[in-house]
Amino acid sequence: MTTMTEASVREFKMPDVGEGLTEAEILKWYVQPGDTVTDGQVVCEVETAKAAVELPIPYDGVVRELHFPEGTTVDVGTPIIAVAVAVAGGAAPEAPAAQPQTEPAQPGEEAKPPARQPVLVGYGVATSSTKRRPRKGPEVTVPAPAQAVQTELNGHGGAVADKSRPLAKPPVRKLAKDLGVDLTAIIPSGPDGVITREDVHAAAAPAAAQPTAPAPAAPATAPVAPAPAASYDTGRETRIPVKGVRKATAQAMIGSAFTAPHVTEFVTVDVTRTMKLVEELKQDKDMQGLRVNPLLLIAKALLVAIKRNPDVNASWDEANQEIVLKHYVNLGIAAATPRGLIVPNIKDAHDKTLPQLAEALGELVATAREGKTSPAAMQGGTVTITNVGVFGVDTGTPILNPGESAILAVGAIKLQPWVHKGKVKPRQVTTLALSFDHRLVDGELGSKVLADVAAILEQPKRLITWA
């Protein structure tokens, strides 16, 4: 007969929190074994290639086991937590009891092995591969066989130092490991025969300069050293693993740059009237409490330009060799966050009034800053705006967001001498850059879109006549 505990343990698997994702990193556990959880309670936070997401548990019960520690990247579909749930007619699950301590062996008596704990069906190591981030902690030394190795305390008293092991502090040992230097081959220069960082660097320098000796014949299966999974600093350089949002961004940009033929056009425009309109809108009662800035009017200008030139709002279907025209605009806004560059988009931005667009922009920016942008918010974009002007940059040549046909870069708005009504006057001026996929947007269409955006920003009243 199946026991209540066996029948009631549920395995919660890593879900696909975004379309097409295959893995996620566990950032933080909010529960521990023995904790009681309820349906809908957030048990952990994970980071996917798109965003950080909190995962709720879908049932009530008591946590039995966390299968992976924080910092582990787990494949979608792999169990990550075991929860004991109540069964019909059965008692509520109890928190797991503490594991019994192994009694020390008496003199002349062999130590008894710990009692074997029962393992539930379905437990065990997942068949899918996982990548674990090394945990920081004290260096562990494996005792040498046949002889007991004394603990080395580097002259701080206590146990007698092992004469067969070179004297070096833990940071120096880590440096030697990172540089591939054998400590036993180094002549120490520090006090009491301690190897210093300078000794390690000196040993590494000639090794790098010498030509590589012919390698011996490799065995049938040569072990491959894993790439470092955590950032480390050698003093001369720092290595940081690329993962999560940054890894996805890098892959997407490579795919976009070498798949879509990019063309970028530029225009410098007088936006003095637009800046005046921004100040007027801030005082408008219909815009009170909303985010009003130049980006709002630039977004509206781009939406109007797309309405006048709808063929620019499209994507390229490589499999079917078709151009897919979009009759809606999901307007992406590039946002720099601590996790990397993300591009959430405003769904159906073409249907929004100016106040509605301002509200959507405010929510998008606030959510991105908090790191709470959902994967769904970054899917389905059609065109994008990237505002590099906030960094004091005049303009750039933006790379298309994958699957989109155009991206508009907005430069810094600066007071510059400008010919206005036949006279040189100080005016607010900016430079716009439009990159587009030349497979589906030709020079004429791209130029019309960019010219329309510039014309609206120069004469904002066209928002009324062209919208």
Protein backbone atom coordinates (compact mmCIF):
# COMPACT_ATOMS: atom_id res chain seq x y z
CA MET A 1 0.00 0.00 0.00
CA THR A 2 1.26 3.45 -0.85
CA THR A 3 1.88 5.60 2.19
CA MET A 4 0.34 9.02 2.62
CA THR A 5 3.73 10.75 2.39
CA GLU A 6 4.68 9.05 -0.87
CA ALA A 7 1.33 9.73 -2.47
CA SER A 8 1.18 13.36 -1.40
CA VAL A 9 4.62 14.67 -2.39
CA ARG A 10 4.40 16.97 -5.38
CA GLU A 11 7.34 18.03 -7.51
CA PHE A 12 7.20 21.60 -8.80
CA LYS A 13 9.10 21.84 -12.08
CA MET A 14 10.87 24.84 -13.58
CA PRO A 15 8.20 26.38 -15.82
CA ASP A 16 8.67 28.09 -19.17
CA VAL A 17 7.97 31.63 -17.94
CA GLY A 18 8.56 33.06 -21.41
CA GLU A 19 7.87 31.84 -24.91
CA GLY A 20 10.64 29.54 -26.15
CA LEU A 21 12.89 29.75 -23.06
CA THR A 22 14.85 26.61 -22.19
CA GLU A 23 16.47 27.44 -18.84
CA ALA A 24 16.46 29.82 -15.90
CA GLU A 25 18.81 30.65 -13.03
CA ILE A 26 17.57 30.43 -9.46
CA LEU A 27 18.38 33.82 -7.96
CA LYS A 28 16.80 33.50 -4.51
CA TRP A 29 14.79 31.02 -2.47
CA TYR A 30 12.09 32.51 -0.24
CA VAL A 31 11.34 29.21 1.54
CA GLN A 32 13.34 26.43 3.20
CA PRO A 33 12.59 22.77 3.99
CA GLY A 34 9.97 22.59 6.72
CA ASP A 35 8.23 25.83 5.73
CA THR A 36 4.49 25.77 5.10
CA VAL A 37 3.42 27.16 1.71
CA THR A 38 0.03 28.06 0.28
CA ASP A 39 -1.35 28.07 -3.23
CA GLY A 40 -0.05 31.17 -5.06
CA GLN A 41 2.77 31.90 -2.60
CA VAL A 42 6.03 33.03 -4.22
CA VAL A 43 8.73 30.48 -3.38
CA CYS A 44 11.66 31.70 -5.46
CA GLU A 45 12.92 34.28 -7.95
CA VAL A 46 14.52 33.13 -11.19
CA GLU A 47 16.26 34.97 -14.01
CA THR A 48 15.62 33.95 -17.58
CA ALA A 49 17.23 35.25 -20.72
CA LYS A 50 14.56 37.97 -20.73
CA ALA A 51 13.88 39.07 -17.16
CA ALA A 52 13.76 38.22 -13.46
CA VAL A 53 10.51 36.46 -12.54
CA GLU A 54 8.99 35.35 -9.23
CA LEU A 55 7.55 31.82 -9.22
CA PRO A 56 4.43 31.01 -7.16
CA ILE A 57 3.73 27.46 -5.93
CA PRO A 58 0.44 26.02 -7.27
CA TYR A 59 -0.61 24.07 -4.14
CA ASP A 60 -0.67 24.06 -0.32
CA GLY A 61 1.74 21.96 1.70
CA VAL A 62 5.07 21.69 3.49
CA VAL A 63 8.42 22.10 1.72
CA ARG A 64 10.31 18.79 1.79
CA GLU A 65 13.36 19.60 -0.32
CA LEU A 66 14.97 22.30 -2.47
CA HIS A 67 16.64 20.41 -5.30
CA PHE A 68 19.04 23.18 -6.33
CA PRO A 69 20.85 25.98 -4.46
CA GLU A 70 20.77 29.65 -5.41
CA GLY A 71 22.93 30.42 -8.42
CA THR A 72 22.08 27.21 -10.28
CA THR A 73 20.90 27.34 -13.90
CA VAL A 74 18.17 24.73 -14.38
CA ASP A 75 16.56 23.44 -17.56
CA VAL A 76 12.84 24.05 -18.05
CA GLY A 77 10.87 21.00 -16.92
CA THR A 78 13.33 19.96 -14.20
CA PRO A 79 11.88 19.57 -10.66
CA ILE A 80 13.23 22.31 -8.40
CA ILE A 81 11.24 21.88 -5.17
CA ALA A 82 9.37 19.02 -3.47
CA VAL A 83 6.25 19.84 -1.45
CA ALA A 84 4.23 17.42 0.70
CA VAL A 85 0.52 18.10 0.25
CA ALA A 86 -2.43 16.75 2.20
CA VAL A 87 -4.44 13.92 0.64
CA ALA A 88 -8.15 13.29 0.91
CA GLY A 89 -8.93 11.82 4.30
CA GLY A 90 -5.33 12.09 5.44
CA ALA A 91 -3.64 14.22 8.03
CA ALA A 92 -1.88 17.42 7.08
CA PRO A 93 1.77 16.85 6.16
CA GLU A 94 4.29 17.46 8.90
CA ALA A 95 7.59 19.24 8.62
CA PRO A 96 10.51 16.86 8.10
CA ALA A 97 12.23 15.76 11.29
CA ALA A 98 15.86 16.57 11.86
CA GLN A 99 18.23 13.91 10.60
CA PRO A 100 19.67 11.77 13.42
CA GLN A 101 23.27 12.33 14.37
CA THR A 102 25.66 9.44 13.86
CA GLU A 103 26.90 8.18 17.23
CA PRO A 104 30.67 8.24 17.58
CA ALA A 105 32.34 4.83 17.59
CA GLN A 106 33.62 3.49 20.87
CA PRO A 107 37.29 2.52 21.13
CA GLY A 108 37.84 -0.75 19.35
CA GLU A 109 34.43 -0.57 17.69
CA GLU A 110 33.80 0.30 14.05
CA ALA A 111 31.75 3.41 13.34
CA LYS A 112 28.18 2.66 12.31
CA PRO A 113 27.10 4.20 9.02
CA PRO A 114 24.14 6.59 9.21
CA ALA A 115 20.73 5.08 8.64
CA ARG A 116 19.70 5.14 4.98
CA GLN A 117 17.01 7.70 4.44
CA PRO A 118 13.96 6.64 2.38
CA VAL A 119 13.90 8.08 -1.12
CA LEU A 120 10.57 8.81 -2.75
CA VAL A 121 9.79 7.64 -6.25
CA GLY A 122 10.72 10.31 -8.74
CA TYR A 123 13.49 11.82 -6.58
CA GLY A 124 17.09 11.82 -7.58
CA VAL A 125 19.34 13.73 -9.91
CA ALA A 126 17.58 15.27 -12.89
CA THR A 127 18.60 13.84 -16.22
CA SER A 128 18.97 17.29 -17.73
CA SER A 129 22.25 19.09 -17.35
CA THR A 130 22.64 21.95 -14.90
CA LYS A 131 25.36 24.53 -14.50
CA ARG A 132 26.28 25.51 -10.95
CA ARG A 133 27.86 28.73 -9.90
CA PRO A 134 30.82 28.09 -7.59
CA ARG A 135 29.98 29.03 -4.04
CA LYS A 136 32.36 31.21 -2.09
CA GLY A 137 33.81 29.52 0.95
CA PRO A 138 36.96 28.28 2.65
CA GLU A 139 39.36 26.33 0.53
CA VAL A 140 39.01 22.61 1.07
CA THR A 141 42.12 20.46 1.02
CA VAL A 142 41.83 16.75 0.24
CA PRO A 143 44.00 14.73 2.64
CA ALA A 144 46.88 12.90 1.00
CA PRO A 145 46.53 9.13 0.93
CA ALA A 146 48.47 6.94 3.41
CA GLN A 147 49.66 9.94 5.42
CA ALA A 148 47.66 12.44 7.42
CA VAL A 149 48.26 15.98 6.23
CA GLN A 150 48.46 18.65 8.93
CA THR A 151 46.36 21.78 8.48
CA GLU A 152 48.35 24.76 7.28
CA LEU A 153 47.67 28.02 9.09
CA ASN A 154 50.34 30.18 7.42
CA GLY A 155 52.20 30.99 10.62
CA HIS A 156 49.13 31.94 12.68
CA GLY A 157 49.66 29.23 15.28
CA GLY A 158 47.76 26.03 15.87
CA ALA A 159 48.46 22.94 13.82
CA VAL A 160 51.89 22.24 12.43
CA ALA A 161 52.25 23.23 8.79
CA ASP A 162 52.62 20.47 6.22
CA LYS A 163 56.16 20.58 4.94
CA SER A 164 55.17 19.01 1.60
CA ARG A 165 52.71 21.80 0.77
CA PRO A 166 53.96 25.25 -0.32
CA LEU A 167 53.13 28.10 2.03
CA ALA A 168 50.73 30.61 0.46
CA LYS A 169 47.67 32.54 1.52
CA PRO A 170 44.28 31.60 -0.02
CA PRO A 171 44.14 34.63 -2.39
CA VAL A 172 47.59 33.73 -3.70
CA ARG A 173 46.53 30.12 -4.20
CA LYS A 174 43.47 31.28 -6.15
CA LEU A 175 45.65 33.55 -8.28
CA ALA A 176 48.01 30.66 -9.03
CA LYS A 177 45.07 28.46 -9.98
CA ASP A 178 43.62 31.13 -12.28
CA LEU A 179 46.99 31.64 -14.00
CA GLY A 180 47.77 27.94 -14.20
CA VAL A 181 50.91 28.18 -12.05
CA ASP A 182 52.19 25.21 -10.00
CA LEU A 183 52.99 26.48 -6.49
CA THR A 184 55.41 23.62 -5.84
CA ALA A 185 57.67 24.90 -8.63
CA ILE A 186 57.92 28.44 -7.22
CA ILE A 187 60.82 29.65 -5.06
CA PRO A 188 59.16 31.74 -2.30
CA SER A 189 60.43 35.24 -1.55
CA GLY A 190 58.17 36.09 1.38
CA PRO A 191 59.01 35.84 5.08
CA ASP A 192 59.20 32.30 6.49
CA GLY A 193 59.10 30.86 2.98
CA VAL A 194 55.64 32.19 2.06
CA ILE A 195 54.84 32.54 -1.65
CA THR A 196 53.64 36.03 -2.58
CA ARG A 197 51.50 37.38 -5.45
CA GLU A 198 54.66 38.76 -7.05
CA ASP A 199 56.17 35.28 -7.05
CA VAL A 200 53.12 33.90 -8.87
CA HIS A 201 53.12 36.67 -11.49
CA ALA A 202 56.87 36.21 -12.02
CA ALA A 203 56.38 32.49 -12.56
CA ALA A 204 53.47 33.07 -14.93
CA ALA A 205 55.29 35.65 -17.11
CA PRO A 206 58.08 33.42 -18.46
CA ALA A 207 55.65 30.56 -18.94
CA ALA A 208 53.53 32.76 -21.19
CA ALA A 209 56.57 33.93 -23.18
CA GLN A 210 57.99 30.45 -23.82
CA PRO A 211 56.78 28.56 -26.89
CA THR A 212 54.36 25.78 -26.20
CA ALA A 213 56.04 22.39 -26.01
CA PRO A 214 54.63 19.56 -28.12
CA ALA A 215 51.78 18.00 -26.22
CA PRO A 216 51.85 14.26 -25.55
CA ALA A 217 49.40 12.03 -27.31
CA ALA A 218 45.95 12.63 -25.86
CA PRO A 219 43.96 9.72 -24.41
CA ALA A 220 40.83 8.50 -26.12
CA THR A 221 38.69 10.83 -24.04
CA ALA A 222 40.52 13.99 -23.04
CA PRO A 223 38.98 15.85 -20.09
CA VAL A 224 37.80 19.35 -20.93
CA ALA A 225 38.24 22.01 -18.26
CA PRO A 226 34.97 23.83 -17.66
CA ALA A 227 34.82 27.55 -18.35
CA PRO A 228 34.78 29.74 -15.25
CA ALA A 229 31.21 30.32 -14.11
CA ALA A 230 31.84 33.16 -11.67
CA SER A 231 33.62 36.49 -12.01
CA TYR A 232 37.15 36.65 -10.68
CA ASP A 233 39.87 39.27 -10.51
CA THR A 234 43.51 38.42 -11.17
CA GLY A 235 44.66 41.94 -10.37
CA ARG A 236 45.33 42.70 -14.04
CA GLU A 237 41.96 41.73 -15.47
CA THR A 238 38.47 40.79 -14.34
CA ARG A 239 36.39 38.11 -16.03
CA ILE A 240 32.60 38.23 -15.77
CA PRO A 241 30.43 35.37 -17.05
CA VAL A 242 27.81 36.39 -19.60
CA LYS A 243 24.42 34.99 -18.68
CA GLY A 244 20.76 35.86 -18.35
CA VAL A 245 19.65 39.09 -19.99
CA ARG A 246 23.15 40.09 -21.14
CA LYS A 247 23.71 36.72 -22.83
CA ALA A 248 20.36 36.89 -24.59
CA THR A 249 21.04 40.47 -25.71
CA ALA A 250 24.45 39.53 -27.12
CA GLN A 251 23.02 36.58 -29.05
CA ALA A 252 20.12 38.64 -30.36
CA MET A 253 22.37 41.47 -31.54
CA ILE A 254 24.73 39.07 -33.32
CA GLY A 255 21.79 37.37 -34.99
CA SER A 256 20.27 40.69 -36.03
CA ALA A 257 23.50 42.30 -37.25
CA PHE A 258 24.47 39.33 -39.42
CA THR A 259 20.98 38.40 -40.63
CA ALA A 260 19.18 41.65 -41.46
CA PRO A 261 20.95 44.03 -43.88
CA HIS A 262 21.01 47.26 -41.89
CA VAL A 263 20.75 50.72 -43.41
CA THR A 264 20.94 53.84 -41.21
CA GLU A 265 19.87 57.36 -42.21
CA PHE A 266 20.30 60.57 -40.23
CA VAL A 267 18.58 63.93 -39.97
CA THR A 268 19.27 66.94 -37.76
CA VAL A 269 16.16 68.84 -36.77
CA ASP A 270 15.14 71.98 -34.86
CA VAL A 271 12.90 70.77 -31.99
CA THR A 272 12.44 74.13 -30.26
CA ARG A 273 8.67 74.10 -30.78
CA THR A 274 8.45 70.52 -29.51
CA MET A 275 10.27 71.50 -26.32
CA LYS A 276 7.83 74.39 -25.82
CA LEU A 277 4.90 72.01 -26.33
CA VAL A 278 6.34 69.68 -23.67
CA GLU A 279 6.30 72.53 -21.15
CA GLU A 280 2.74 73.45 -22.11
CA LEU A 281 1.53 69.85 -21.76
CA LYS A 282 3.00 69.63 -18.27
CA GLN A 283 0.52 72.35 -17.28
CA ASP A 284 -2.43 70.73 -19.09
CA LYS A 285 -5.07 69.38 -16.72
CA ASP A 286 -5.54 66.26 -18.87
CA MET A 287 -1.84 65.40 -18.43
CA GLN A 288 -1.59 65.98 -14.68
CA GLY A 289 0.22 63.16 -12.90
CA LEU A 290 1.52 61.71 -16.15
CA ARG A 291 5.07 61.43 -17.46
CA VAL A 292 5.50 64.25 -20.00
CA ASN A 293 8.88 64.60 -21.71
CA PRO A 294 10.35 64.87 -25.22
CA LEU A 295 10.33 61.06 -25.60
CA LEU A 296 6.54 61.11 -25.36
CA LEU A 297 6.18 63.44 -28.36
CA ILE A 298 8.91 61.60 -30.29
CA ALA A 299 7.00 58.34 -29.75
CA LYS A 300 3.79 59.96 -30.93
CA ALA A 301 5.57 61.42 -33.96
CA LEU A 302 6.91 57.97 -34.91
CA LEU A 303 3.44 56.44 -34.57
CA VAL A 304 2.01 59.12 -36.88
CA ALA A 305 4.83 58.53 -39.37
CA ILE A 306 4.07 54.80 -39.36
CA LYS A 307 0.39 55.54 -39.96
CA ARG A 308 1.37 57.59 -43.01
CA ASN A 309 3.84 54.92 -44.17
CA PRO A 310 2.37 51.59 -42.96
CA ASP A 311 4.71 49.38 -45.02
CA VAL A 312 7.56 50.18 -42.62
CA ASN A 313 5.76 48.28 -39.85
CA ALA A 314 6.59 44.75 -40.99
CA SER A 315 8.78 41.71 -40.40
CA TRP A 316 10.66 39.24 -42.60
CA ASP A 317 9.54 35.58 -42.62
CA GLU A 318 12.68 33.74 -43.68
CA ALA A 319 11.08 30.28 -43.70
CA ASN A 320 8.29 31.26 -46.09
CA GLN A 321 10.17 34.07 -47.83
CA GLU A 322 7.40 36.53 -47.08
CA ILE A 323 7.04 40.08 -45.81
CA VAL A 324 4.53 40.19 -42.96
CA LEU A 325 2.79 43.57 -42.69
CA LYS A 326 1.59 44.41 -39.17
CA HIS A 327 -1.68 46.28 -38.79
CA TYR A 328 -0.81 47.16 -35.21
CA VAL A 329 2.18 48.84 -33.57
CA ASN A 330 3.80 47.40 -30.47
CA LEU A 331 6.22 50.21 -29.71
CA GLY A 332 9.43 49.08 -28.04
CA ILE A 333 11.40 51.37 -25.73
CA ALA A 334 15.03 50.35 -25.10
CA ALA A 335 15.81 50.51 -21.39
CA ALA A 336 19.19 50.15 -19.68
CA THR A 337 18.80 48.22 -16.41
CA PRO A 338 21.26 46.68 -13.92
CA ARG A 339 20.56 43.31 -15.55
CA GLY A 340 21.37 44.63 -19.02
CA LEU A 341 19.55 46.15 -21.98
CA ILE A 342 15.90 45.18 -22.32
CA VAL A 343 13.26 46.31 -24.82
CA PRO A 344 9.74 46.11 -23.38
CA ASN A 345 7.01 47.34 -25.69
CA ILE A 346 3.70 49.17 -25.43
CA LYS A 347 1.02 46.91 -26.89
CA ASP A 348 -1.22 48.49 -29.54
CA ALA A 349 0.44 51.86 -29.13
CA HIS A 350 -1.16 53.05 -32.38
CA ASP A 351 -4.60 53.10 -30.71
CA LYS A 352 -3.58 55.17 -27.69
CA THR A 353 -4.31 58.83 -27.13
CA LEU A 354 -1.50 61.09 -25.94
CA PRO A 355 -2.51 60.76 -22.24
CA GLN A 356 -2.80 56.98 -22.62
CA LEU A 357 0.60 56.82 -24.30
CA ALA A 358 2.11 58.92 -21.50
CA GLU A 359 0.63 56.60 -18.88
CA ALA A 360 1.93 53.50 -20.69
CA LEU A 361 5.42 55.01 -21.01
CA GLY A 362 5.50 55.86 -17.31
CA GLU A 363 4.49 52.33 -16.30
CA LEU A 364 7.02 50.80 -18.69
CA VAL A 365 9.91 52.86 -17.34
CA ALA A 366 8.98 52.31 -13.69
CA THR A 367 8.64 48.55 -14.14
CA ALA A 368 11.97 48.31 -15.98
CA ARG A 369 13.79 50.27 -13.24
CA GLU A 370 12.40 47.92 -10.60
CA GLY A 371 13.58 44.91 -12.61
CA LYS A 372 10.03 43.56 -12.78
CA THR A 373 9.50 43.60 -16.55
CA SER A 374 7.76 40.38 -17.55
CA PRO A 375 8.86 38.28 -20.54
CA ALA A 376 5.46 38.90 -22.17
CA ALA A 377 6.14 42.65 -22.12
CA MET A 378 9.24 42.11 -24.28
CA GLN A 379 7.62 39.92 -26.92
CA GLY A 380 5.86 40.91 -30.10
CA GLY A 381 7.49 44.30 -30.69
CA THR A 382 7.26 45.80 -34.19
CA VAL A 383 9.41 49.00 -34.02
CA THR A 384 11.67 50.43 -31.32
CA ILE A 385 12.92 53.77 -30.00
CA THR A 386 16.29 54.04 -28.24
CA ASN A 387 17.04 57.35 -26.52
CA VAL A 388 20.83 57.65 -26.42
CA GLY A 389 20.51 61.40 -25.85
CA VAL A 390 20.07 60.87 -22.12
CA PHE A 391 23.77 59.92 -22.03
CA GLY A 392 24.81 63.14 -23.79
CA VAL A 393 25.39 61.35 -27.12
CA ASP A 394 24.50 63.10 -30.37
CA THR A 395 23.27 59.94 -32.12
CA GLY A 396 24.25 56.39 -33.09
CA THR A 397 23.65 53.57 -35.55
CA PRO A 398 21.23 51.33 -33.65
CA ILE A 399 20.93 47.60 -34.35
CA LEU A 400 17.46 46.27 -35.02
CA ASN A 401 15.62 44.38 -32.34
CA PRO A 402 15.25 40.85 -33.83
CA GLY A 403 12.02 40.43 -35.76
CA GLU A 404 11.47 44.17 -36.23
CA SER A 405 11.89 46.32 -39.32
CA ALA A 406 13.04 49.66 -37.88
CA ILE A 407 14.57 51.34 -34.84
CA LEU A 408 14.81 55.09 -34.19
CA ALA A 409 17.73 56.50 -32.19
CA VAL A 410 17.22 59.91 -30.56
CA GLY A 411 20.27 62.02 -29.77
CA ALA A 412 20.84 64.68 -27.15
CA ILE A 413 18.79 67.88 -27.47
CA LYS A 414 21.22 70.79 -27.32
CA LEU A 415 21.10 74.55 -27.74
CA GLN A 416 22.91 75.26 -31.03
CA PRO A 417 23.21 78.11 -33.55
CA TRP A 418 20.58 77.52 -36.22
CA VAL A 419 19.29 79.45 -39.21
CA HIS A 420 15.71 80.33 -38.32
CA LYS A 421 13.65 82.67 -40.53
CA GLY A 422 16.80 83.87 -42.30
CA LYS A 423 18.74 84.63 -39.12
CA VAL A 424 21.17 82.65 -37.01
CA LYS A 425 19.58 82.06 -33.63
CA PRO A 426 20.10 79.71 -30.68
CA ARG A 427 17.66 76.80 -31.13
CA GLN A 428 17.04 73.42 -29.52
CA VAL A 429 18.45 70.88 -31.99
CA THR A 430 18.77 67.09 -32.05
CA THR A 431 19.87 64.38 -34.50
CA LEU A 432 17.69 61.37 -35.31
CA ALA A 433 18.98 58.10 -36.78
CA LEU A 434 16.71 55.48 -38.31
CA SER A 435 18.04 51.97 -38.94
CA PHE A 436 15.88 49.64 -41.01
CA ASP A 437 15.92 46.19 -42.58
CA HIS A 438 16.75 46.77 -46.23
CA ARG A 439 15.08 43.51 -47.27
CA LEU A 440 11.66 45.01 -46.66
CA VAL A 441 12.28 48.75 -46.31
CA ASP A 442 13.94 50.50 -49.24
CA GLY A 443 15.66 53.87 -49.16
CA GLU A 444 12.58 55.79 -50.26
CA LEU A 445 10.32 54.33 -47.58
CA GLY A 446 12.92 54.71 -44.84
CA SER A 447 13.58 58.31 -45.86
CA LYS A 448 9.87 59.15 -45.82
CA VAL A 449 9.44 57.79 -42.31
CA LEU A 450 12.45 59.66 -40.95
CA ALA A 451 11.45 62.88 -42.74
CA ASP A 452 7.90 62.66 -41.33
CA VAL A 453 9.19 62.23 -37.77
CA ALA A 454 11.51 65.22 -38.22
CA ALA A 455 8.74 67.37 -39.73
CA ILE A 456 6.39 66.65 -36.82
CA LEU A 457 9.05 67.46 -34.22
CA GLU A 458 9.86 70.71 -36.04
CA GLN A 459 6.17 71.65 -36.36
CA PRO A 460 4.26 69.71 -33.63
CA LYS A 461 0.92 71.03 -34.88
CA ARG A 462 1.21 68.38 -37.59
CA LEU A 463 0.35 65.87 -34.87
CA ILE A 464 -3.19 67.21 -35.15
CA THR A 465 -3.42 67.41 -38.95
CA TRP A 466 -1.60 64.11 -39.72
CA ALA A 467 -2.79 61.88 -36.88
